Protein backbone atom coordinates (compact mmCIF):
# COMPACT_ATOMS: atom_id res chain seq x y z
CA MET A 1 36.43 -14.37 5.24
CA ALA A 2 38.52 -15.18 8.35
CA VAL A 3 39.30 -18.64 6.91
CA GLU A 4 40.41 -17.08 3.60
CA ARG A 5 42.72 -14.65 5.45
CA ASP A 6 44.27 -17.48 7.46
CA ARG A 7 44.84 -19.40 4.28
CA LEU A 8 46.48 -16.45 2.49
CA THR A 9 48.71 -15.91 5.61
CA ARG A 10 49.95 -19.48 5.48
CA LEU A 11 50.67 -19.23 1.86
CA ARG A 12 52.52 -16.03 2.28
CA GLN A 13 54.64 -17.56 5.15
CA ARG A 14 55.49 -20.51 3.03
CA ALA A 15 56.50 -18.31 0.11
CA GLU A 16 58.68 -16.16 2.37
CA ALA A 17 60.39 -19.30 3.76
CA ALA A 18 61.02 -20.50 0.17
CA LEU A 19 62.53 -17.20 -0.88
CA LYS A 20 64.81 -17.14 2.11
CA ARG A 21 66.07 -20.62 1.20
CA ALA A 22 66.59 -19.45 -2.38
CA ALA A 23 68.59 -16.44 -1.16
CA ASP A 24 70.81 -18.60 1.16
CA PRO A 25 74.37 -18.51 -0.36
CA SER A 26 75.21 -21.88 1.08
CA PRO A 27 75.15 -24.73 -1.42
CA MET A 28 71.91 -26.73 -1.45
CA ALA A 29 71.51 -30.36 -2.28
CA PRO A 30 69.55 -31.16 -5.44
CA ALA A 31 66.83 -32.76 -3.31
CA THR A 32 66.41 -29.46 -1.37
CA ILE A 33 66.26 -27.52 -4.64
CA ASP A 34 63.64 -29.88 -6.09
CA GLU A 35 61.58 -29.64 -2.90
CA MET A 36 61.73 -25.85 -3.04
CA MET A 37 60.68 -25.72 -6.64
CA HIS A 38 57.80 -28.14 -5.96
CA GLU A 39 56.67 -26.01 -3.03
CA LEU A 40 56.79 -22.81 -5.17
CA ASN A 41 54.87 -24.51 -7.98
CA VAL A 42 52.20 -25.61 -5.48
CA TYR A 43 52.12 -22.10 -4.09
CA HIS A 44 51.68 -20.71 -7.69
CA VAL A 45 48.79 -23.09 -8.43
CA GLU A 46 47.12 -22.26 -5.15
CA LEU A 47 47.37 -18.55 -5.87
CA GLU A 48 45.79 -19.05 -9.32
CA ILE A 49 42.96 -21.02 -7.68
CA GLN A 50 42.52 -18.26 -5.11
CA PHE A 51 42.51 -15.62 -7.83
CA GLU A 52 39.81 -17.50 -9.68
CA GLU A 53 37.74 -17.76 -6.56
CA LEU A 54 38.14 -14.00 -5.87
CA GLN A 55 37.04 -13.21 -9.46
CA GLN A 56 34.01 -15.48 -9.09
CA THR A 57 33.15 -13.75 -5.83
CA TYR A 58 33.56 -10.38 -7.44
CA ARG A 59 31.27 -11.36 -10.34
CA SER A 60 28.68 -12.59 -7.84
CA LEU A 61 28.86 -9.37 -5.89
CA GLU A 62 28.45 -7.36 -9.04
CA ALA A 63 25.39 -9.37 -10.13
CA ALA A 64 23.89 -8.88 -6.64
CA LYS A 65 24.69 -5.16 -6.84
CA GLN A 66 22.97 -4.91 -10.23
CA GLU A 67 19.92 -6.83 -8.96
CA TYR A 68 19.68 -4.62 -5.88
CA ALA A 69 19.98 -1.43 -8.04
CA SER A 70 17.22 -2.71 -10.35
CA LEU A 71 14.92 -3.59 -7.40
CA PHE A 72 15.68 -0.21 -5.78
CA ASP A 73 15.18 1.92 -8.85
CA PHE A 74 12.09 0.24 -10.22
CA ALA A 75 10.25 -0.56 -6.98
CA PRO A 76 6.44 0.31 -7.06
CA VAL A 77 6.97 2.92 -4.46
CA GLY A 78 9.39 5.87 -4.28
CA TYR A 79 12.41 5.67 -2.00
CA VAL A 80 14.31 8.70 -0.79
CA VAL A 81 17.26 8.77 1.58
CA THR A 82 17.90 12.03 3.39
CA ASP A 83 20.20 13.28 6.14
CA GLN A 84 18.68 14.48 9.42
CA LYS A 85 18.28 18.04 7.98
CA GLY A 86 16.14 16.63 5.17
CA ASN A 87 18.71 16.94 2.38
CA VAL A 88 18.24 14.28 -0.27
CA LEU A 89 21.22 11.95 -0.47
CA ASN A 90 19.79 9.32 -2.78
CA ALA A 91 16.50 8.42 -4.47
CA ASN A 92 15.16 5.70 -6.77
CA LEU A 93 13.79 6.34 -10.27
CA THR A 94 10.23 5.84 -9.04
CA ALA A 95 10.62 8.78 -6.59
CA CYS A 96 12.07 10.90 -9.44
CA ARG A 97 9.16 10.05 -11.71
CA MET A 98 6.60 10.87 -8.92
CA LEU A 99 8.24 14.25 -8.27
CA GLY A 100 8.84 15.03 -11.98
CA VAL A 101 12.60 15.65 -11.63
CA ASP A 102 15.82 13.78 -12.57
CA ARG A 103 17.95 12.18 -9.94
CA ALA A 104 20.68 14.86 -10.04
CA THR A 105 18.12 17.56 -9.40
CA LEU A 106 16.45 15.69 -6.55
CA ALA A 107 19.84 14.81 -4.97
CA GLY A 108 20.66 18.55 -4.72
CA ALA A 109 17.40 19.45 -3.04
CA THR A 110 15.44 18.89 0.24
CA LEU A 111 12.39 16.70 0.35
CA ALA A 112 10.53 19.58 1.99
CA GLU A 113 10.79 21.48 -1.33
CA PHE A 114 8.33 18.96 -2.85
CA VAL A 115 5.85 19.13 -0.03
CA ALA A 116 2.78 21.32 -0.65
CA VAL A 117 2.43 24.44 1.53
CA ASP A 118 -0.62 23.18 3.33
CA SER A 119 1.35 19.94 4.34
CA GLN A 120 4.58 21.52 5.49
CA ASP A 121 3.63 21.38 9.21
CA ALA A 122 2.47 17.76 8.98
CA TYR A 123 5.79 16.90 7.20
CA HIS A 124 8.02 18.59 9.71
CA LEU A 125 6.17 16.99 12.69
CA HIS A 126 6.55 13.67 10.89
CA ARG A 127 10.32 14.04 10.65
CA ARG A 128 10.53 15.30 14.20
CA ALA A 129 8.63 12.23 15.49
CA VAL A 130 11.00 9.88 13.58
CA LEU A 131 14.12 11.55 14.98
CA GLY A 132 12.62 11.91 18.45
CA THR A 133 11.52 8.28 18.81
CA GLY A 134 13.88 6.43 16.46
CA GLN A 135 10.89 4.52 15.20
CA ALA A 136 9.11 4.33 11.83
CA GLN A 137 6.32 6.93 11.41
CA ILE A 138 3.54 7.26 8.83
CA CYS A 139 1.81 10.41 7.64
CA GLU A 140 -0.25 11.65 4.72
CA VAL A 141 0.74 14.82 2.87
CA PHE A 142 0.31 16.41 -0.55
CA LEU A 143 3.45 16.48 -2.78
CA ARG A 144 4.13 18.74 -5.71
CA SER A 145 5.19 17.14 -9.02
CA ASN A 146 7.14 19.33 -11.50
CA GLY A 147 6.57 22.17 -9.08
CA SER A 148 2.87 22.52 -10.04
CA SER A 149 0.56 19.52 -9.89
CA VAL A 150 -0.21 18.20 -6.47
CA PHE A 151 -0.94 14.58 -5.53
CA PRO A 152 -1.80 12.95 -2.11
CA ALA A 153 0.98 10.70 -0.81
CA GLN A 154 1.67 8.54 2.19
CA LEU A 155 5.21 8.84 3.73
CA THR A 156 6.71 5.99 5.79
CA THR A 157 9.98 7.11 7.31
CA ASP A 158 12.41 5.39 9.64
CA VAL A 159 16.02 5.84 10.74
CA SER A 160 18.79 3.94 8.90
CA ILE A 161 20.83 1.50 10.95
CA ASP A 162 24.04 3.02 9.55
CA SER A 163 26.21 5.17 11.76
CA LYS A 164 25.17 8.36 9.90
CA GLY A 165 21.53 8.10 11.13
CA THR A 166 20.11 8.89 7.72
CA LEU A 167 16.41 8.79 7.18
CA ARG A 168 14.73 6.49 4.68
CA THR A 169 11.36 7.50 3.27
CA ALA A 170 8.98 5.45 1.19
CA ILE A 171 6.56 7.46 -0.88
CA SER A 172 3.23 5.91 -1.96
CA ASP A 173 0.89 7.75 -4.35
CA ILE A 174 -2.58 7.29 -2.75
CA SER A 175 -4.54 9.23 -5.42
CA LEU A 176 -6.56 6.06 -6.33
CA PHE A 177 -7.13 5.23 -2.73
CA ARG A 178 -8.45 8.72 -2.09
CA GLN A 179 -10.61 8.54 -5.14
CA ALA A 180 -11.95 5.15 -3.99
CA ALA A 181 -12.59 6.60 -0.44
CA ASP A 182 -14.44 9.59 -1.89
CA SER A 183 -16.51 7.38 -4.09
CA LEU A 184 -17.31 5.20 -1.09
CA ARG A 185 -18.28 8.29 1.01
CA ARG A 186 -20.60 9.45 -1.78
CA SER A 187 -22.09 6.03 -2.06
CA LEU A 188 -22.68 5.86 1.66
CA ALA A 189 -24.31 9.37 1.65
CA LYS A 190 -26.54 8.32 -1.24
CA GLU A 191 -27.49 5.17 0.58
CA LYS A 192 -28.25 7.09 3.72
CA GLU A 193 -30.45 9.47 1.71
CA LEU A 194 -32.27 6.54 0.06
CA ASN A 195 -32.75 4.92 3.48
CA GLN A 196 -34.23 8.14 4.87
CA LEU A 197 -36.51 8.44 1.76
CA GLN A 198 -37.50 4.77 2.31
CA ALA A 199 -38.48 5.44 5.92
CA ARG A 200 -40.55 8.50 5.01
CA MET A 201 -42.26 6.60 2.16
CA LEU A 202 -42.92 3.67 4.56
CA SER A 203 -44.41 6.09 7.02
CA VAL A 204 -46.67 7.63 4.35
CA ILE A 205 -47.71 4.25 2.93
CA ALA A 206 -48.41 2.90 6.44
CA HIS A 207 -50.69 5.93 6.99
CA GLU A 208 -52.36 5.56 3.60
CA PHE A 209 -52.94 1.86 4.15
CA ARG A 210 -54.23 2.20 7.65
CA THR A 211 -57.60 3.87 6.86
CA PRO A 212 -58.66 1.61 3.98
CA LEU A 213 -57.66 -1.47 6.01
CA THR A 214 -59.65 -0.25 9.00
CA ILE A 215 -62.70 0.29 6.78
CA ILE A 216 -62.21 -3.16 5.12
CA HIS A 217 -61.88 -4.80 8.51
CA SER A 218 -65.06 -3.03 9.75
CA SER A 219 -67.09 -4.14 6.79
CA VAL A 220 -65.93 -7.71 7.15
CA GLU A 221 -66.79 -7.68 10.79
CA THR A 222 -70.19 -6.31 10.10
CA LEU A 223 -70.91 -8.95 7.44
CA ASP A 224 -69.70 -11.72 9.77
CA HIS A 225 -71.75 -10.74 12.76
CA TYR A 226 -74.73 -8.99 11.30
CA ALA A 227 -75.31 -10.52 7.85
CA ASP A 228 -78.65 -11.96 8.83
CA HIS A 229 -79.95 -8.59 9.87
CA LEU A 230 -78.74 -6.71 6.75
CA THR A 231 -80.79 -6.19 3.71
CA ASP A 232 -79.39 -7.34 0.37
CA ALA A 233 -78.79 -3.70 -0.58
CA LEU A 234 -76.67 -3.03 2.55
CA LYS A 235 -74.77 -6.27 1.97
CA LYS A 236 -74.07 -5.31 -1.54
CA GLN A 237 -72.99 -1.82 -0.36
CA ARG A 238 -70.54 -3.38 2.10
CA TYR A 239 -69.08 -5.76 -0.47
CA GLN A 240 -68.71 -2.83 -2.86
CA THR A 241 -66.91 -0.88 -0.24
CA ILE A 242 -64.47 -3.70 0.29
CA ARG A 243 -63.88 -4.00 -3.39
CA ASN A 244 -63.28 -0.26 -3.75
CA PHE A 245 -60.66 -0.09 -1.06
CA VAL A 246 -58.92 -3.25 -2.29
CA TRP A 247 -58.64 -1.62 -5.73
CA TYR A 248 -57.41 1.54 -4.09
CA LEU A 249 -54.74 -0.35 -2.18
CA ASN A 250 -53.76 -2.26 -5.28
CA ASP A 251 -53.40 1.04 -7.19
CA MET A 252 -51.16 2.36 -4.43
CA VAL A 253 -48.89 -0.71 -4.70
CA GLN A 254 -48.69 -0.24 -8.44
CA ASP A 255 -47.76 3.41 -7.97
CA THR A 256 -44.93 2.59 -5.57
CA SER A 257 -43.71 -0.22 -7.85
CA SER A 258 -43.55 2.24 -10.74
CA VAL A 259 -40.89 4.26 -8.93
CA GLY A 260 -38.87 1.13 -8.02
CA PHE A 261 -39.78 1.18 -4.33
CA GLY A 262 -42.53 -1.34 -4.15
CA THR A 263 -40.25 -4.05 -5.51
CA ARG A 264 -37.75 -3.33 -2.77
CA LEU A 265 -40.43 -3.48 -0.15
CA LEU A 266 -41.81 -6.78 -1.38
CA ASN A 267 -38.29 -8.22 -1.54
């Protein structure tokens, strides 16, 4: 920009000098007149070039302005600009859609009007922290849409770098995040309950297994050490005892498998 200003200044000085020579009543030589006309023609061409460059710059600025407006209005989060008292100065279309009002209505209100009653204290403390520290702050509040329905939102606010010290607030609807968090908490609670049930069942199964296994082990020890001293009837009785408790344990495993627990234990 400084280079362009210098260039325009030089052109203006040359034009003023040419006009002074044209206004001079003293007769001028043809060569002087031709030189002046040539200089004016060059100046005219340079002005046309400069005008075309300015038009191109203006078109580029307009295109950039339109692109910025599109990005601002249709951003995935809401943007609201307020003064330090909380009065809305500007807002994008996403924020208007979130709050269920048009831009004109929102611009004539305060952001606090759309904060649910239970979240008013949190919102005012949030703004106070931003103004007090000059740094961006984040908080979660409930906002009212159309003055009735309420949704959870995350506010991210910082102070604008302009001289007015306005506040810029990004609004994110965290309804889906809250739903996912609630679902996760329910899943964790259910998993905890299942783990506790599993621990109780393991305790019961361990107790139920312990007695039959003790008897089986005792019978096997007896057969190993005293088989020569036992009658065939006693041996048969011992073997039958082992078979009975093996079947009992097998039935217990089948029962636990039928409720989907035995498979988890085996895996």
